[in-house]
Amino acid sequence: DPELLEAFGVSQSALPKIVSNWGNFGSSNPEHFL
């Protein structure tokens, strides 16, 4: 919410993309995750 971001001084560009609770969001990187 732009007004909430302004009130708390947070830029949306620093925040993550919001996704649903299930779906294919991407994959683990084998070099980083076991």
PDB file of all heavy atoms in Angstrom:
ATOM      1  N   ASP A   1       0.833  -1.197   0.000  1.00  0.00           N
ATOM      2  CA  ASP A   1       0.000   0.000   0.000  1.00  0.00           C
ATOM      3  C   ASP A   1       0.878   1.261   0.000  1.00  0.00           C
ATOM      4  O   ASP A   1       1.677   1.450   0.919  1.00  0.00           O
ATOM      5  CB  ASP A   1      -0.912  -0.008   1.232  1.00  0.00           C
ATOM      6  CG  ASP A   1      -1.912   1.111   1.232  1.00  0.00           C
ATOM      7  OD1 ASP A   1      -1.513   2.263   1.502  1.00  0.00           O
ATOM      8  OD2 ASP A   1      -3.098   0.851   0.951  1.00  0.00           O
ATOM      9  N   PRO A   2       0.755   2.135  -0.991  1.00  0.00           N
ATOM     10  CA  PRO A   2       1.636   3.308  -1.078  1.00  0.00           C
ATOM     11  C   PRO A   2       1.579   4.207   0.152  1.00  0.00           C
ATOM     12  O   PRO A   2       2.611   4.720   0.593  1.00  0.00           O
ATOM     13  CB  PRO A   2       1.134   4.035  -2.326  1.00  0.00           C
ATOM     14  CG  PRO A   2       0.489   2.979  -3.154  1.00  0.00           C
ATOM     15  CD  PRO A   2      -0.121   2.023  -2.169  1.00  0.00           C
ATOM     16  N   GLU A   3       0.394   4.428   0.724  1.00  0.00           N
ATOM     17  CA  GLU A   3       0.284   5.299   1.896  1.00  0.00           C
ATOM     18  C   GLU A   3       0.923   4.673   3.125  1.00  0.00           C
ATOM     19  O   GLU A   3       1.532   5.372   3.950  1.00  0.00           O
ATOM     20  CB  GLU A   3      -1.183   5.639   2.155  1.00  0.00           C
ATOM     21  CG  GLU A   3      -1.801   6.527   1.089  1.00  0.00           C
ATOM     22  CD  GLU A   3      -3.216   6.911   1.442  1.00  0.00           C
ATOM     23  OE1 GLU A   3      -3.402   7.677   2.413  1.00  0.00           O
ATOM     24  OE2 GLU A   3      -4.144   6.434   0.761  1.00  0.00           O
ATOM     25  N   LEU A   4       0.807   3.364   3.260  1.00  0.00           N
ATOM     26  CA  LEU A   4       1.467   2.688   4.376  1.00  0.00           C
ATOM     27  C   LEU A   4       2.979   2.729   4.208  1.00  0.00           C
ATOM     28  O   LEU A   4       3.716   2.961   5.176  1.00  0.00           O
ATOM     29  CB  LEU A   4       0.991   1.239   4.469  1.00  0.00           C
ATOM     30  CG  LEU A   4      -0.456   1.042   4.930  1.00  0.00           C
ATOM     31  CD1 LEU A   4      -0.920  -0.375   4.651  1.00  0.00           C
ATOM     32  CD2 LEU A   4      -0.598   1.368   6.413  1.00  0.00           C
ATOM     33  N   LEU A   5       3.447   2.521   2.986  1.00  0.00           N
ATOM     34  CA  LEU A   5       4.889   2.593   2.737  1.00  0.00           C
ATOM     35  C   LEU A   5       5.422   3.972   3.073  1.00  0.00           C
ATOM     36  O   LEU A   5       6.503   4.108   3.664  1.00  0.00           O
ATOM     37  CB  LEU A   5       5.184   2.252   1.278  1.00  0.00           C
ATOM     38  CG  LEU A   5       4.860   0.820   0.818  1.00  0.00           C
ATOM     39  CD1 LEU A   5       5.121   0.680  -0.669  1.00  0.00           C
ATOM     40  CD2 LEU A   5       5.673  -0.199   1.601  1.00  0.00           C
ATOM     41  N   GLU A   6       4.666   5.001   2.730  1.00  0.00           N
ATOM     42  CA  GLU A   6       5.093   6.363   3.045  1.00  0.00           C
ATOM     43  C   GLU A   6       5.102   6.598   4.546  1.00  0.00           C
ATOM     44  O   GLU A   6       6.034   7.209   5.093  1.00  0.00           O
ATOM     45  CB  GLU A   6       4.166   7.367   2.357  1.00  0.00           C
ATOM     46  CG  GLU A   6       4.575   8.820   2.600  1.00  0.00           C
ATOM     47  CD  GLU A   6       3.675   9.807   1.885  1.00  0.00           C
ATOM     48  OE1 GLU A   6       2.761   9.378   1.154  1.00  0.00           O
ATOM     49  OE2 GLU A   6       3.885  11.023   2.073  1.00  0.00           O
ATOM     50  N   ALA A   7       4.069   6.114   5.244  1.00  0.00           N
ATOM     51  CA  ALA A   7       3.978   6.329   6.692  1.00  0.00           C
ATOM     52  C   ALA A   7       5.151   5.690   7.430  1.00  0.00           C
ATOM     53  O   ALA A   7       5.663   6.253   8.405  1.00  0.00           O
ATOM     54  CB  ALA A   7       2.655   5.771   7.220  1.00  0.00           C
ATOM     55  N   PHE A   8       5.592   4.527   6.958  1.00  0.00           N
ATOM     56  CA  PHE A   8       6.671   3.814   7.634  1.00  0.00           C
ATOM     57  C   PHE A   8       8.026   4.023   6.964  1.00  0.00           C
ATOM     58  O   PHE A   8       9.026   3.432   7.397  1.00  0.00           O
ATOM     59  CB  PHE A   8       6.343   2.329   7.720  1.00  0.00           C
ATOM     60  CG  PHE A   8       5.236   2.017   8.696  1.00  0.00           C
ATOM     61  CD1 PHE A   8       3.935   1.844   8.258  1.00  0.00           C
ATOM     62  CD2 PHE A   8       5.489   1.925  10.051  1.00  0.00           C
ATOM     63  CE1 PHE A   8       2.916   1.563   9.149  1.00  0.00           C
ATOM     64  CE2 PHE A   8       4.485   1.647  10.957  1.00  0.00           C
ATOM     65  CZ  PHE A   8       3.184   1.473  10.500  1.00  0.00           C
ATOM     66  N   GLY A   9       8.065   4.829   5.920  1.00  0.00           N
ATOM     67  CA  GLY A   9       9.341   5.193   5.305  1.00  0.00           C
ATOM     68  C   GLY A   9      10.032   4.079   4.563  1.00  0.00           C
ATOM     69  O   GLY A   9      11.267   4.018   4.518  1.00  0.00           O
ATOM     70  N   VAL A  10       9.255   3.195   3.933  1.00  0.00           N
ATOM     71  CA  VAL A  10       9.826   2.046   3.233  1.00  0.00           C
ATOM     72  C   VAL A  10       9.559   2.168   1.739  1.00  0.00           C
ATOM     73  O   VAL A  10       8.432   2.455   1.318  1.00  0.00           O
ATOM     74  CB  VAL A  10       9.222   0.726   3.759  1.00  0.00           C
ATOM     75  CG1 VAL A  10       9.811  -0.467   3.007  1.00  0.00           C
ATOM     76  CG2 VAL A  10       9.472   0.579   5.257  1.00  0.00           C
ATOM     77  N   SER A  11      10.585   1.932   0.925  1.00  0.00           N
ATOM     78  CA  SER A  11      10.426   1.939  -0.526  1.00  0.00           C
ATOM     79  C   SER A  11       9.992   0.558  -1.008  1.00  0.00           C
ATOM     80  O   SER A  11      10.536  -0.467  -0.573  1.00  0.00           O
ATOM     81  CB  SER A  11      11.748   2.311  -1.199  1.00  0.00           C
ATOM     82  OG  SER A  11      11.667   2.108  -2.597  1.00  0.00           O
ATOM     83  N   GLN A  12       9.007   0.517  -1.906  1.00  0.00           N
ATOM     84  CA  GLN A  12       8.520  -0.762  -2.404  1.00  0.00           C
ATOM     85  C   GLN A  12       9.609  -1.545  -3.117  1.00  0.00           C
ATOM     86  O   GLN A  12       9.606  -2.783  -3.114  1.00  0.00           O
ATOM     87  CB  GLN A  12       7.327  -0.549  -3.341  1.00  0.00           C
ATOM     88  CG  GLN A  12       6.698  -1.851  -3.825  1.00  0.00           C
ATOM     89  CD  GLN A  12       5.397  -1.634  -4.565  1.00  0.00           C
ATOM     90  OE1 GLN A  12       4.687  -0.659  -4.328  1.00  0.00           O
ATOM     91  NE2 GLN A  12       5.074  -2.550  -5.468  1.00  0.00           N
ATOM     92  N   SER A  13      10.577  -0.843  -3.709  1.00  0.00           N
ATOM     93  CA  SER A  13      11.639  -1.522  -4.451  1.00  0.00           C
ATOM     94  C   SER A  13      12.496  -2.413  -3.550  1.00  0.00           C
ATOM     95  O   SER A  13      13.148  -3.348  -4.033  1.00  0.00           O
ATOM     96  CB  SER A  13      12.526  -0.497  -5.162  1.00  0.00           C
ATOM     97  OG  SER A  13      13.175   0.350  -4.209  1.00  0.00           O
ATOM     98  N   ALA A  14      12.495  -2.135  -2.237  1.00  0.00           N
ATOM     99  CA  ALA A  14      13.279  -2.956  -1.303  1.00  0.00           C
ATOM    100  C   ALA A  14      12.532  -4.209  -0.869  1.00  0.00           C
ATOM    101  O   ALA A  14      13.139  -5.138  -0.326  1.00  0.00           O
ATOM    102  CB  ALA A  14      13.646  -2.138  -0.064  1.00  0.00           C
ATOM    103  N   LEU A  15      11.226  -4.235  -1.113  1.00  0.00           N
ATOM    104  CA  LEU A  15      10.376  -5.304  -0.605  1.00  0.00           C
ATOM    105  C   LEU A  15      10.202  -6.423  -1.624  1.00  0.00           C
ATOM    106  O   LEU A  15      10.324  -6.213  -2.833  1.00  0.00           O
ATOM    107  CB  LEU A  15       9.006  -4.746  -0.224  1.00  0.00           C
ATOM    108  CG  LEU A  15       8.985  -3.749   0.936  1.00  0.00           C
ATOM    109  CD1 LEU A  15       7.605  -3.137   1.078  1.00  0.00           C
ATOM    110  CD2 LEU A  15       9.418  -4.422   2.238  1.00  0.00           C
ATOM    111  N   PRO A  16       9.869  -7.612  -1.151  1.00  0.00           N
ATOM    112  CA  PRO A  16       9.686  -8.738  -2.065  1.00  0.00           C
ATOM    113  C   PRO A  16       8.361  -8.671  -2.823  1.00  0.00           C
ATOM    114  O   PRO A  16       7.431  -7.964  -2.423  1.00  0.00           O
ATOM    115  CB  PRO A  16       9.708  -9.958  -1.132  1.00  0.00           C
ATOM    116  CG  PRO A  16       9.293  -9.421   0.195  1.00  0.00           C
ATOM    117  CD  PRO A  16       9.787  -8.012   0.266  1.00  0.00           C
ATOM    118  N   LYS A  17       8.278  -9.417  -3.899  1.00  0.00           N
ATOM    119  CA  LYS A  17       7.031  -9.596  -4.635  1.00  0.00           C
ATOM    120  C   LYS A  17       6.100 -10.484  -3.816  1.00  0.00           C
ATOM    121  O   LYS A  17       6.528 -11.485  -3.231  1.00  0.00           O
ATOM    122  CB  LYS A  17       7.320 -10.243  -5.989  1.00  0.00           C
ATOM    123  CG  LYS A  17       6.079 -10.576  -6.801  1.00  0.00           C
ATOM    124  CD  LYS A  17       6.449 -11.341  -8.077  1.00  0.00           C
ATOM    125  CE  LYS A  17       5.201 -11.768  -8.840  1.00  0.00           C
ATOM    126  NZ  LYS A  17       5.546 -12.555 -10.053  1.00  0.00           N
ATOM    127  N   ILE A  18       4.819 -10.120  -3.758  1.00  0.00           N
ATOM    128  CA  ILE A  18       3.833 -10.904  -3.005  1.00  0.00           C
ATOM    129  C   ILE A  18       3.255 -11.990  -3.912  1.00  0.00           C
ATOM    130  O   ILE A  18       2.783 -11.700  -5.020  1.00  0.00           O
ATOM    131  CB  ILE A  18       2.708 -10.011  -2.459  1.00  0.00           C
ATOM    132  CG1 ILE A  18       3.285  -8.931  -1.532  1.00  0.00           C
ATOM    133  CG2 ILE A  18       1.673 -10.852  -1.709  1.00  0.00           C
ATOM    134  CD1 ILE A  18       2.261  -7.911  -1.064  1.00  0.00           C
ATOM    135  N   VAL A  19       3.280 -13.252  -3.429  1.00  0.00           N
ATOM    136  CA  VAL A  19       2.742 -14.381  -4.193  1.00  0.00           C
ATOM    137  C   VAL A  19       1.678 -15.095  -3.370  1.00  0.00           C
ATOM    138  O   VAL A  19       1.531 -14.868  -2.164  1.00  0.00           O
ATOM    139  CB  VAL A  19       3.861 -15.368  -4.591  1.00  0.00           C
ATOM    140  CG1 VAL A  19       4.912 -14.677  -5.451  1.00  0.00           C
ATOM    141  CG2 VAL A  19       4.513 -15.999  -3.356  1.00  0.00           C
ATOM    142  N   SER A  20       0.919 -15.970  -4.016  1.00  0.00           N
ATOM    143  CA  SER A  20      -0.095 -16.777  -3.343  1.00  0.00           C
ATOM    144  C   SER A  20       0.571 -17.821  -2.457  1.00  0.00           C
ATOM    145  O   SER A  20       1.798 -17.924  -2.398  1.00  0.00           O
ATOM    146  CB  SER A  20      -1.001 -17.442  -4.373  1.00  0.00           C
ATOM    147  OG  SER A  20      -1.680 -16.490  -5.158  1.00  0.00           O
ATOM    148  N   ASN A  21      -0.251 -18.643  -1.797  1.00  0.00           N
ATOM    149  CA  ASN A  21       0.311 -19.611  -0.856  1.00  0.00           C
ATOM    150  C   ASN A  21       0.739 -20.914  -1.498  1.00  0.00           C
ATOM    151  O   ASN A  21       1.457 -21.692  -0.876  1.00  0.00           O
ATOM    152  CB  ASN A  21      -0.668 -19.874   0.286  1.00  0.00           C
ATOM    153  CG  ASN A  21      -0.779 -18.684   1.207  1.00  0.00           C
ATOM    154  OD1 ASN A  21      -1.780 -17.977   1.205  1.00  0.00           O
ATOM    155  ND2 ASN A  21       0.259 -18.425   1.974  1.00  0.00           N
ATOM    156  N   TRP A  22       0.300 -21.188  -2.697  1.00  0.00           N
ATOM    157  CA  TRP A  22       0.830 -22.339  -3.404  1.00  0.00           C
ATOM    158  C   TRP A  22       0.872 -22.066  -4.902  1.00  0.00           C
ATOM    159  O   TRP A  22       0.122 -21.279  -5.433  1.00  0.00           O
ATOM    160  CB  TRP A  22       0.096 -23.631  -3.083  1.00  0.00           C
ATOM    161  CG  TRP A  22      -1.342 -23.750  -3.499  1.00  0.00           C
ATOM    162  CD1 TRP A  22      -1.818 -24.191  -4.706  1.00  0.00           C
ATOM    163  CD2 TRP A  22      -2.497 -23.487  -2.692  1.00  0.00           C
ATOM    164  NE1 TRP A  22      -3.186 -24.213  -4.699  1.00  0.00           N
ATOM    165  CE2 TRP A  22      -3.636 -23.793  -3.476  1.00  0.00           C
ATOM    166  CE3 TRP A  22      -2.685 -23.043  -1.381  1.00  0.00           C
ATOM    167  CZ2 TRP A  22      -4.939 -23.648  -3.001  1.00  0.00           C
ATOM    168  CZ3 TRP A  22      -3.990 -22.901  -0.911  1.00  0.00           C
ATOM    169  CH2 TRP A  22      -5.080 -23.200  -1.699  1.00  0.00           C
ATOM    170  N   GLY A  23       1.840 -22.701  -5.546  1.00  0.00           N
ATOM    171  CA  GLY A  23       2.124 -22.493  -6.959  1.00  0.00           C
ATOM    172  C   GLY A  23       3.602 -22.765  -7.162  1.00  0.00           C
ATOM    173  O   GLY A  23       4.321 -23.092  -6.217  1.00  0.00           O
ATOM    174  N   ASN A  24       4.093 -22.626  -8.375  1.00  0.00           N
ATOM    175  CA  ASN A  24       5.519 -22.832  -8.642  1.00  0.00           C
ATOM    176  C   ASN A  24       6.212 -21.475  -8.614  1.00  0.00           C
ATOM    177  O   ASN A  24       6.079 -20.681  -9.541  1.00  0.00           O
ATOM    178  CB  ASN A  24       5.732 -23.517  -9.991  1.00  0.00           C
ATOM    179  CG  ASN A  24       7.157 -24.039 -10.133  1.00  0.00           C
ATOM    180  OD1 ASN A  24       8.090 -23.489  -9.561  1.00  0.00           O
ATOM    181  ND2 ASN A  24       7.320 -25.112 -10.883  1.00  0.00           N
ATOM    182  N   PHE A  25       6.959 -21.211  -7.552  1.00  0.00           N
ATOM    183  CA  PHE A  25       7.546 -19.884  -7.335  1.00  0.00           C
ATOM    184  C   PHE A  25       8.983 -19.764  -7.846  1.00  0.00           C
ATOM    185  O   PHE A  25       9.541 -18.670  -7.872  1.00  0.00           O
ATOM    186  CB  PHE A  25       7.521 -19.543  -5.846  1.00  0.00           C
ATOM    187  CG  PHE A  25       6.163 -19.653  -5.219  1.00  0.00           C
ATOM    188  CD1 PHE A  25       5.985 -20.370  -4.050  1.00  0.00           C
ATOM    189  CD2 PHE A  25       5.057 -19.054  -5.803  1.00  0.00           C
ATOM    190  CE1 PHE A  25       4.731 -20.475  -3.457  1.00  0.00           C
ATOM    191  CE2 PHE A  25       3.800 -19.162  -5.225  1.00  0.00           C
ATOM    192  CZ  PHE A  25       3.633 -19.882  -4.050  1.00  0.00           C
ATOM    193  N   GLY A  26       9.588 -20.871  -8.212  1.00  0.00           N
ATOM    194  CA  GLY A  26      10.994 -20.886  -8.602  1.00  0.00           C
ATOM    195  C   GLY A  26      11.666 -22.091  -7.985  1.00  0.00           C
ATOM    196  O   GLY A  26      11.021 -22.916  -7.328  1.00  0.00           O
ATOM    197  N   SER A  27      12.969 -22.223  -8.177  1.00  0.00           N
ATOM    198  CA  SER A  27      13.672 -23.433  -7.745  1.00  0.00           C
ATOM    199  C   SER A  27      14.854 -23.130  -6.842  1.00  0.00           C
ATOM    200  O   SER A  27      15.396 -22.023  -6.843  1.00  0.00           O
ATOM    201  CB  SER A  27      14.176 -24.213  -8.967  1.00  0.00           C
ATOM    202  OG  SER A  27      13.097 -24.712  -9.726  1.00  0.00           O
ATOM    203  N   SER A  28      15.238 -24.138  -6.099  1.00  0.00           N
ATOM    204  CA  SER A  28      16.445 -24.045  -5.282  1.00  0.00           C
ATOM    205  C   SER A  28      17.670 -24.082  -6.187  1.00  0.00           C
ATOM    206  O   SER A  28      17.647 -24.662  -7.277  1.00  0.00           O
ATOM    207  CB  SER A  28      16.491 -25.199  -4.275  1.00  0.00           C
ATOM    208  OG  SER A  28      16.549 -26.451  -4.936  1.00  0.00           O
ATOM    209  N   ASN A  29      18.723 -23.457  -5.720  1.00  0.00           N
ATOM    210  CA  ASN A  29      20.000 -23.449  -6.432  1.00  0.00           C
ATOM    211  C   ASN A  29      20.883 -24.527  -5.807  1.00  0.00           C
ATOM    212  O   ASN A  29      21.201 -24.454  -4.616  1.00  0.00           O
ATOM    213  CB  ASN A  29      20.659 -22.074  -6.306  1.00  0.00           C
ATOM    214  CG  ASN A  29      21.950 -21.953  -7.070  1.00  0.00           C
ATOM    215  OD1 ASN A  29      22.768 -22.862  -7.060  1.00  0.00           O
ATOM    216  ND2 ASN A  29      22.139 -20.813  -7.738  1.00  0.00           N
ATOM    217  N   PRO A  30      21.292 -25.539  -6.579  1.00  0.00           N
ATOM    218  CA  PRO A  30      22.039 -26.653  -5.982  1.00  0.00           C
ATOM    219  C   PRO A  30      23.367 -26.229  -5.353  1.00  0.00           C
ATOM    220  O   PRO A  30      23.839 -26.872  -4.415  1.00  0.00           O
ATOM    221  CB  PRO A  30      22.257 -27.608  -7.166  1.00  0.00           C
ATOM    222  CG  PRO A  30      22.097 -26.768  -8.394  1.00  0.00           C
ATOM    223  CD  PRO A  30      21.084 -25.724  -8.023  1.00  0.00           C
ATOM    224  N   GLU A  31      23.961 -25.146  -5.844  1.00  0.00           N
ATOM    225  CA  GLU A  31      25.221 -24.691  -5.254  1.00  0.00           C
ATOM    226  C   GLU A  31      25.009 -24.077  -3.871  1.00  0.00           C
ATOM    227  O   GLU A  31      25.952 -24.018  -3.071  1.00  0.00           O
ATOM    228  CB  GLU A  31      25.882 -23.660  -6.169  1.00  0.00           C
ATOM    229  CG  GLU A  31      26.335 -24.236  -7.501  1.00  0.00           C
ATOM    230  CD  GLU A  31      27.043 -23.198  -8.350  1.00  0.00           C
ATOM    231  OE1 GLU A  31      27.351 -22.100  -7.820  1.00  0.00           O
ATOM    232  OE2 GLU A  31      27.285 -23.473  -9.533  1.00  0.00           O
ATOM    233  N   HIS A  32      23.801 -23.642  -3.601  1.00  0.00           N
ATOM    234  CA  HIS A  32      23.496 -23.000  -2.317  1.00  0.00           C
ATOM    235  C   HIS A  32      22.700 -23.910  -1.380  1.00  0.00           C
ATOM    236  O   HIS A  32      22.721 -23.704  -0.163  1.00  0.00           O
ATOM    237  CB  HIS A  32      22.710 -21.705  -2.549  1.00  0.00           C
ATOM    238  CG  HIS A  32      23.520 -20.612  -3.167  1.00  0.00           C
ATOM    239  ND1 HIS A  32      24.013 -19.544  -2.437  1.00  0.00           N
ATOM    240  CD2 HIS A  32      23.951 -20.416  -4.443  1.00  0.00           C
ATOM    241  CE1 HIS A  32      24.697 -18.741  -3.233  1.00  0.00           C
ATOM    242  NE2 HIS A  32      24.670 -19.243  -4.459  1.00  0.00           N
ATOM    243  N   PHE A  33      21.978 -24.886  -1.954  1.00  0.00           N
ATOM    244  CA  PHE A  33      21.058 -25.670  -1.127  1.00  0.00           C
ATOM    245  C   PHE A  33      21.277 -27.169  -1.326  1.00  0.00           C
ATOM    246  O   PHE A  33      20.558 -27.843  -2.068  1.00  0.00           O
ATOM    247  CB  PHE A  33      19.607 -25.294  -1.443  1.00  0.00           C
ATOM    248  CG  PHE A  33      18.605 -25.921  -0.500  1.00  0.00           C
ATOM    249  CD1 PHE A  33      18.609 -25.608   0.859  1.00  0.00           C
ATOM    250  CD2 PHE A  33      17.662 -26.820  -0.966  1.00  0.00           C
ATOM    251  CE1 PHE A  33      17.697 -26.187   1.728  1.00  0.00           C
ATOM    252  CE2 PHE A  33      16.738 -27.395  -0.095  1.00  0.00           C
ATOM    253  CZ  PHE A  33      16.759 -27.084   1.251  1.00  0.00           C
ATOM    254  N   LEU A  34      22.329 -27.669  -0.709  1.00  0.00           N
ATOM    255  CA  LEU A  34      22.546 -29.097  -0.519  1.00  0.00           C
ATOM    256  C   LEU A  34      22.578 -29.891  -1.820  1.00  0.00           C
ATOM    257  O   LEU A  34      22.230 -31.075  -1.858  1.00  0.00           O
ATOM    258  CB  LEU A  34      21.446 -29.671   0.408  1.00  0.00           C
ATOM    259  CG  LEU A  34      21.283 -28.970   1.756  1.00  0.00           C
ATOM    260  CD1 LEU A  34      20.101 -29.555   2.520  1.00  0.00           C
ATOM    261  CD2 LEU A  34      22.559 -29.078   2.579  1.00  0.00           C
TER     262      LEU A  34
END
